[in-house]
C-alpha atoms as a PDB file:
ATOM      1  CA  UNK A   1      30.055 -17.300   1.862  1.00  0.00           C
ATOM      2  CA  UNK A   2      27.143 -19.742   2.021  1.00  0.00           C
ATOM      3  CA  UNK A   3      25.967 -18.293   5.352  1.00  0.00           C
ATOM      4  CA  UNK A   4      25.865 -14.693   4.088  1.00  0.00           C
ATOM      5  CA  UNK A   5      24.233 -15.722   0.822  1.00  0.00           C
ATOM      6  CA  UNK A   6      21.555 -17.566   2.767  1.00  0.00           C
ATOM      7  CA  UNK A   7      20.855 -14.521   4.935  1.00  0.00           C
ATOM      8  CA  UNK A   8      20.713 -12.207   1.922  1.00  0.00           C
ATOM      9  CA  UNK A   9      18.337 -14.596   0.174  1.00  0.00           C
ATOM     10  CA  UNK A  10      16.088 -14.770   3.223  1.00  0.00           C
ATOM     11  CA  UNK A  11      16.007 -10.977   3.476  1.00  0.00           C
ATOM     12  CA  UNK A  12      15.255 -10.685  -0.258  1.00  0.00           C
ATOM     13  CA  UNK A  13      12.238 -13.003  -0.178  1.00  0.00           C
ATOM     14  CA  UNK A  14      10.850 -11.582   3.071  1.00  0.00           C
ATOM     15  CA  UNK A  15      11.308  -7.824   2.647  1.00  0.00           C
ATOM     16  CA  UNK A  16      10.279  -5.498  -0.146  1.00  0.00           C
ATOM     17  CA  UNK A  17      13.425  -3.713  -1.339  1.00  0.00           C
ATOM     18  CA  UNK A  18      11.659  -0.422  -2.110  1.00  0.00           C
ATOM     19  CA  UNK A  19       9.734   0.054   1.129  1.00  0.00           C
ATOM     20  CA  UNK A  20      11.208  -2.240   3.799  1.00  0.00           C
ATOM     21  CA  UNK A  21       7.788  -3.796   4.390  1.00  0.00           C
ATOM     22  CA  UNK A  22       7.182  -7.528   4.190  1.00  0.00           C
ATOM     23  CA  UNK A  23       6.674  -8.845   0.674  1.00  0.00           C
ATOM     24  CA  UNK A  24       3.121  -9.872  -0.188  1.00  0.00           C
ATOM     25  CA  UNK A  25       3.710 -13.633  -0.115  1.00  0.00           C
ATOM     26  CA  UNK A  26       5.769 -13.705   3.074  1.00  0.00           C
ATOM     27  CA  UNK A  27       3.724 -11.066   4.834  1.00  0.00           C
ATOM     28  CA  UNK A  28       0.340 -12.639   4.162  1.00  0.00           C
ATOM     29  CA  UNK A  29       1.658 -16.022   5.295  1.00  0.00           C
ATOM     30  CA  UNK A  30       2.804 -14.547   8.608  1.00  0.00           C
ATOM     31  CA  UNK A  31      -0.336 -12.430   8.991  1.00  0.00           C
ATOM     32  CA  UNK A  32      -2.637 -15.408   8.441  1.00  0.00           C
ATOM     33  CA  UNK A  33      -0.723 -17.558  10.935  1.00  0.00           C
ATOM     34  CA  UNK A  34      -0.708 -14.763  13.535  1.00  0.00           C
ATOM     35  CA  UNK A  35      -4.394 -14.035  12.922  1.00  0.00           C
ATOM     36  CA  UNK A  36      -5.422 -17.672  13.388  1.00  0.00           C
ATOM     37  CA  UNK A  37      -3.425 -18.104  16.589  1.00  0.00           C
ATOM     38  CA  UNK A  38      -4.472 -14.813  18.153  1.00  0.00           C
ATOM     39  CA  UNK A  39      -8.141 -15.063  17.181  1.00  0.00           C
ATOM     40  CA  UNK A  40      -8.338 -18.620  18.544  1.00  0.00           C
ATOM     41  CA  UNK A  41      -6.832 -17.374  21.818  1.00  0.00           C
ATOM     42  CA  UNK A  42      -9.330 -14.501  22.077  1.00  0.00           C
ATOM     43  CA  UNK A  43      -7.107 -11.552  21.193  1.00  0.00           C
ATOM     44  CA  UNK A  44      -8.412  -8.440  19.466  1.00  0.00           C
ATOM     45  CA  UNK A  45      -6.945  -7.955  15.976  1.00  0.00           C
ATOM     46  CA  UNK A  46      -6.958  -4.808  13.859  1.00  0.00           C
ATOM     47  CA  UNK A  47      -6.350  -4.655  10.115  1.00  0.00           C
ATOM     48  CA  UNK A  48      -5.682  -1.342   8.384  1.00  0.00           C
ATOM     49  CA  UNK A  49      -5.734  -1.492   4.591  1.00  0.00           C
ATOM     50  CA  UNK A  50      -4.071   1.569   2.997  1.00  0.00           C
ATOM     51  CA  UNK A  51      -3.793   2.778  -0.580  1.00  0.00           C
ATOM     52  CA  UNK A  52      -1.975   5.829  -1.946  1.00  0.00           C
ATOM     53  CA  UNK A  53      -4.321   8.391  -3.486  1.00  0.00           C
ATOM     54  CA  UNK A  54      -3.564   9.653  -6.973  1.00  0.00           C
ATOM     55  CA  UNK A  55      -0.702   7.355  -7.972  1.00  0.00           C
ATOM     56  CA  UNK A  56      -1.885   7.365 -11.616  1.00  0.00           C
ATOM     57  CA  UNK A  57      -1.896  11.167 -11.552  1.00  0.00           C
ATOM     58  CA  UNK A  58       1.656  11.214 -10.177  1.00  0.00           C
ATOM     59  CA  UNK A  59       2.894   8.702 -12.761  1.00  0.00           C
ATOM     60  CA  UNK A  60       1.187  10.514 -15.647  1.00  0.00           C
ATOM     61  CA  UNK A  61       2.258  14.033 -14.689  1.00  0.00           C
ATOM     62  CA  UNK A  62       5.584  13.561 -12.894  1.00  0.00           C
ATOM     63  CA  UNK A  63       6.860  10.192 -14.123  1.00  0.00           C
ATOM     64  CA  UNK A  64       7.099   6.687 -12.672  1.00  0.00           C
ATOM     65  CA  UNK A  65      10.242   7.488 -10.699  1.00  0.00           C
ATOM     66  CA  UNK A  66       8.236  10.086  -8.795  1.00  0.00           C
ATOM     67  CA  UNK A  67       5.514   7.475  -8.319  1.00  0.00           C
ATOM     68  CA  UNK A  68       8.086   5.183  -6.719  1.00  0.00           C
ATOM     69  CA  UNK A  69       9.276   8.085  -4.568  1.00  0.00           C
ATOM     70  CA  UNK A  70       5.714   8.641  -3.376  1.00  0.00           C
ATOM     71  CA  UNK A  71       5.360   4.963  -2.444  1.00  0.00           C
ATOM     72  CA  UNK A  72       8.615   5.096  -0.475  1.00  0.00           C
ATOM     73  CA  UNK A  73       7.538   8.236   1.354  1.00  0.00           C
ATOM     74  CA  UNK A  74       4.195   6.667   2.251  1.00  0.00           C
ATOM     75  CA  UNK A  75       5.848   3.542   3.657  1.00  0.00           C
ATOM     76  CA  UNK A  76       8.396   5.571   5.628  1.00  0.00           C
ATOM     77  CA  UNK A  77       5.603   7.625   7.164  1.00  0.00           C
ATOM     78  CA  UNK A  78       3.797   4.451   8.222  1.00  0.00           C
ATOM     79  CA  UNK A  79       6.955   2.820   9.593  1.00  0.00           C
ATOM     80  CA  UNK A  80       7.615   5.816  11.846  1.00  0.00           C
ATOM     81  CA  UNK A  81       4.375   5.164  13.697  1.00  0.00           C
ATOM     82  CA  UNK A  82       4.135   1.386  14.117  1.00  0.00           C
ATOM     83  CA  UNK A  83       6.027  -1.407  15.900  1.00  0.00           C
ATOM     84  CA  UNK A  84       7.424  -3.165  12.853  1.00  0.00           C
ATOM     85  CA  UNK A  85      10.969  -4.501  13.035  1.00  0.00           C
ATOM     86  CA  UNK A  86      12.893  -4.037   9.814  1.00  0.00           C
ATOM     87  CA  UNK A  87      15.568  -6.725   9.746  1.00  0.00           C
ATOM     88  CA  UNK A  88      17.582  -5.679   6.746  1.00  0.00           C
ATOM     89  CA  UNK A  89      21.094  -5.968   8.154  1.00  0.00           C
ATOM     90  CA  UNK A  90      23.115  -8.946   9.295  1.00  0.00           C
ATOM     91  CA  UNK A  91      23.436  -7.952  12.971  1.00  0.00           C
ATOM     92  CA  UNK A  92      19.675  -7.349  13.231  1.00  0.00           C
ATOM     93  CA  UNK A  93      18.949 -10.738  11.671  1.00  0.00           C
ATOM     94  CA  UNK A  94      21.314 -12.476  14.107  1.00  0.00           C
ATOM     95  CA  UNK A  95      19.882 -10.633  17.117  1.00  0.00           C
ATOM     96  CA  UNK A  96      16.383 -11.667  16.055  1.00  0.00           C
ATOM     97  CA  UNK A  97      17.431 -15.306  15.898  1.00  0.00           C
ATOM     98  CA  UNK A  98      19.168 -15.133  19.273  1.00  0.00           C
ATOM     99  CA  UNK A  99      16.162 -13.493  20.907  1.00  0.00           C
ATOM    100  CA  UNK A 100      13.678 -16.126  19.764  1.00  0.00           C
ATOM    101  CA  UNK A 101      13.870 -18.147  23.000  1.00  0.00           C
ATOM    102  CA  UNK A 102      13.384 -15.010  25.066  1.00  0.00           C
ATOM    103  CA  UNK A 103      10.319 -14.128  23.007  1.00  0.00           C
ATOM    104  CA  UNK A 104       8.811 -17.554  23.686  1.00  0.00           C
ATOM    105  CA  UNK A 105       9.091 -17.335  27.467  1.00  0.00           C
ATOM    106  CA  UNK A 106       8.149 -13.729  28.236  1.00  0.00           C
ATOM    107  CA  UNK A 107       4.860 -12.055  27.408  1.00  0.00           C
ATOM    108  CA  UNK A 108       4.869  -8.775  25.489  1.00  0.00           C
ATOM    109  CA  UNK A 109       2.760  -7.127  22.831  1.00  0.00           C
ATOM    110  CA  UNK A 110       3.436  -8.743  19.495  1.00  0.00           C
ATOM    111  CA  UNK A 111       5.231  -6.746  16.837  1.00  0.00           C
ATOM    112  CA  UNK A 112       2.977  -5.188  14.242  1.00  0.00           C
ATOM    113  CA  UNK A 113       2.846  -6.641  10.742  1.00  0.00           C
ATOM    114  CA  UNK A 114       3.388  -4.329   7.784  1.00  0.00           C
ATOM    115  CA  UNK A 115       3.026  -5.664   4.238  1.00  0.00           C
ATOM    116  CA  UNK A 116       3.348  -4.148   0.799  1.00  0.00           C
ATOM    117  CA  UNK A 117       0.513  -5.962  -0.918  1.00  0.00           C
ATOM    118  CA  UNK A 118       1.539  -4.670  -4.306  1.00  0.00           C
ATOM    119  CA  UNK A 119       1.905  -1.342  -6.089  1.00  0.00           C
ATOM    120  CA  UNK A 120       0.694   1.329  -3.677  1.00  0.00           C
ATOM    121  CA  UNK A 121      -1.360  -0.928  -1.370  1.00  0.00           C
ATOM    122  CA  UNK A 122      -0.266  -1.746   2.182  1.00  0.00           C
ATOM    123  CA  UNK A 123      -1.636  -3.774   5.071  1.00  0.00           C
ATOM    124  CA  UNK A 124      -0.946  -2.977   8.715  1.00  0.00           C
ATOM    125  CA  UNK A 125      -2.024  -5.523  11.336  1.00  0.00           C
ATOM    126  CA  UNK A 126      -1.696  -5.207  15.089  1.00  0.00           C
ATOM    127  CA  UNK A 127      -2.792  -7.222  18.116  1.00  0.00           C
ATOM    128  CA  UNK A 128      -4.531  -6.101  21.323  1.00  0.00           C
ATOM    129  CA  UNK A 129      -4.683  -2.397  20.535  1.00  0.00           C
ATOM    130  CA  UNK A 130      -7.943  -0.774  21.602  1.00  0.00           C
ATOM    131  CA  UNK A 131     -10.042   1.425  19.336  1.00  0.00           C
ATOM    132  CA  UNK A 132      -8.863   4.676  20.942  1.00  0.00           C
ATOM    133  CA  UNK A 133      -5.199   3.883  20.361  1.00  0.00           C
ATOM    134  CA  UNK A 134      -5.877   2.554  16.857  1.00  0.00           C
ATOM    135  CA  UNK A 135      -7.480   5.894  16.052  1.00  0.00           C
ATOM    136  CA  UNK A 136      -4.437   7.692  17.449  1.00  0.00           C
ATOM    137  CA  UNK A 137      -2.089   5.545  15.356  1.00  0.00           C
ATOM    138  CA  UNK A 138      -4.180   6.203  12.242  1.00  0.00           C
ATOM    139  CA  UNK A 139      -4.196   9.947  12.912  1.00  0.00           C
ATOM    140  CA  UNK A 140      -0.410  10.010  13.414  1.00  0.00           C
ATOM    141  CA  UNK A 141       0.148   8.076  10.180  1.00  0.00           C
ATOM    142  CA  UNK A 142      -2.202  10.279   8.152  1.00  0.00           C
ATOM    143  CA  UNK A 143      -0.686  13.434   9.640  1.00  0.00           C
ATOM    144  CA  UNK A 144       2.834  12.236   8.815  1.00  0.00           C
ATOM    145  CA  UNK A 145       1.808  11.357   5.255  1.00  0.00           C
ATOM    146  CA  UNK A 146       0.077  14.705   4.729  1.00  0.00           C
ATOM    147  CA  UNK A 147       3.414  16.434   5.419  1.00  0.00           C
ATOM    148  CA  UNK A 148       4.932  14.624   2.422  1.00  0.00           C
ATOM    149  CA  UNK A 149       4.836  15.742  -1.189  1.00  0.00           C
ATOM    150  CA  UNK A 150       6.273  14.900  -4.602  1.00  0.00           C
ATOM    151  CA  UNK A 151       7.212  18.007  -6.567  1.00  0.00           C
ATOM    152  CA  UNK A 152       4.511  19.948  -4.768  1.00  0.00           C
ATOM    153  CA  UNK A 153       1.815  17.268  -5.069  1.00  0.00           C
ATOM    154  CA  UNK A 154       0.630  16.625  -1.523  1.00  0.00           C
ATOM    155  CA  UNK A 155       0.441  12.933  -0.641  1.00  0.00           C
ATOM    156  CA  UNK A 156      -2.468  11.180   1.053  1.00  0.00           C
ATOM    157  CA  UNK A 157      -3.861   7.692   1.493  1.00  0.00           C
ATOM    158  CA  UNK A 158      -7.263   6.084   1.792  1.00  0.00           C
ATOM    159  CA  UNK A 159      -7.429   3.777   4.805  1.00  0.00           C
ATOM    160  CA  UNK A 160      -9.962   1.132   5.741  1.00  0.00           C
ATOM    161  CA  UNK A 161      -9.983  -0.232   9.285  1.00  0.00           C
ATOM    162  CA  UNK A 162     -11.430  -3.510  10.518  1.00  0.00           C
ATOM    163  CA  UNK A 163     -11.353  -4.397  14.213  1.00  0.00           C
ATOM    164  CA  UNK A 164     -11.846  -8.131  14.698  1.00  0.00           C
ATOM    165  CA  UNK A 165     -13.441  -8.603  18.086  1.00  0.00           C
ATOM    166  CA  UNK A 166     -12.896 -11.817  20.021  1.00  0.00           C
ATOM    167  CA  UNK A 167     -16.543 -12.791  19.475  1.00  0.00           C
ATOM    168  CA  UNK A 168     -16.466 -12.457  15.678  1.00  0.00           C
ATOM    169  CA  UNK A 169     -16.596 -15.684  13.673  1.00  0.00           C
ATOM    170  CA  UNK A 170     -14.346 -14.769  10.751  1.00  0.00           C
ATOM    171  CA  UNK A 171     -11.257 -16.084   8.976  1.00  0.00           C
ATOM    172  CA  UNK A 172      -8.248 -14.084   7.812  1.00  0.00           C
ATOM    173  CA  UNK A 173      -9.215 -13.890   4.133  1.00  0.00           C
ATOM    174  CA  UNK A 174     -12.693 -12.594   4.972  1.00  0.00           C
ATOM    175  CA  UNK A 175     -11.262 -10.033   7.393  1.00  0.00           C
ATOM    176  CA  UNK A 176      -8.785  -8.862   4.749  1.00  0.00           C
ATOM    177  CA  UNK A 177     -11.561  -8.504   2.183  1.00  0.00           C
ATOM    178  CA  UNK A 178     -13.673  -6.454   4.602  1.00  0.00           C
ATOM    179  CA  UNK A 179     -10.740  -4.143   5.367  1.00  0.00           C
ATOM    180  CA  UNK A 180     -10.142  -3.798   1.609  1.00  0.00           C
ATOM    181  CA  UNK A 181     -13.819  -2.934   1.030  1.00  0.00           C
ATOM    182  CA  UNK A 182     -13.693  -0.359   3.812  1.00  0.00           C
ATOM    183  CA  UNK A 183     -10.638   1.229   2.176  1.00  0.00           C
ATOM    184  CA  UNK A 184     -12.370   1.196  -1.216  1.00  0.00           C
ATOM    185  CA  UNK A 185     -15.380   3.042   0.211  1.00  0.00           C
ATOM    186  CA  UNK A 186     -13.042   5.740   1.558  1.00  0.00           C
ATOM    187  CA  UNK A 187     -11.262   5.860  -1.823  1.00  0.00           C
ATOM    188  CA  UNK A 188     -14.543   6.435  -3.669  1.00  0.00           C
ATOM    189  CA  UNK A 189     -15.329   9.402  -1.416  1.00  0.00           C
ATOM    190  CA  UNK A 190     -11.836  10.807  -1.998  1.00  0.00           C
ATOM    191  CA  UNK A 191     -12.226  10.743  -5.774  1.00  0.00           C
ATOM    192  CA  UNK A 192     -15.713  12.243  -5.564  1.00  0.00           C
ATOM    193  CA  UNK A 193     -14.107  15.235  -3.902  1.00  0.00           C
ATOM    194  CA  UNK A 194     -10.945  15.198  -6.047  1.00  0.00           C
ATOM    195  CA  UNK A 195     -12.138  14.252  -9.515  1.00  0.00           C
ATOM    196  CA  UNK A 196      -9.058  15.758 -11.181  1.00  0.00           C
ATOM    197  CA  UNK A 197      -6.888  13.034  -9.609  1.00  0.00           C
ATOM    198  CA  UNK A 198      -9.053  10.023 -10.560  1.00  0.00           C
END
């Protein structure tokens, strides 16, 4: 029917079919809007930019299907440890729509935003989480990922964290670039220590 086709289309353009994360276009649109609103209203915002280590090595030695498997395992490990609502089924989509008025009138911590930026890169954004709890979330994610492997190849990610304090004068694109640079610095150190996977 038209109604079901519309829902399926909305899910398709908003959610990445491989990982369940937001697609790049939809996710960055939401993230930018949320960032602007929350930063203007003096909320602390944290961006965590993550990238799978050794994807080229996995693809070259185990095949691209195993590379896709690694990406799925990474995203599943992240999803276990954040407050991201995957709305991939009809009843969840309907419940989300019905709850919108409730969400407008009662205060609660905003859902996290989780985006597949492309390939093996992901962005996690959360609001009003202090540095101690961000560190705990990061540690849980990294620990969960380190338990995963693809045909014996142990998975890991490089993660760059940027905490946007209420006093910082910065826009979303600049914050994203800084988080990306922080991740890249971690990635460089990883490959210095693991040259066989570069």
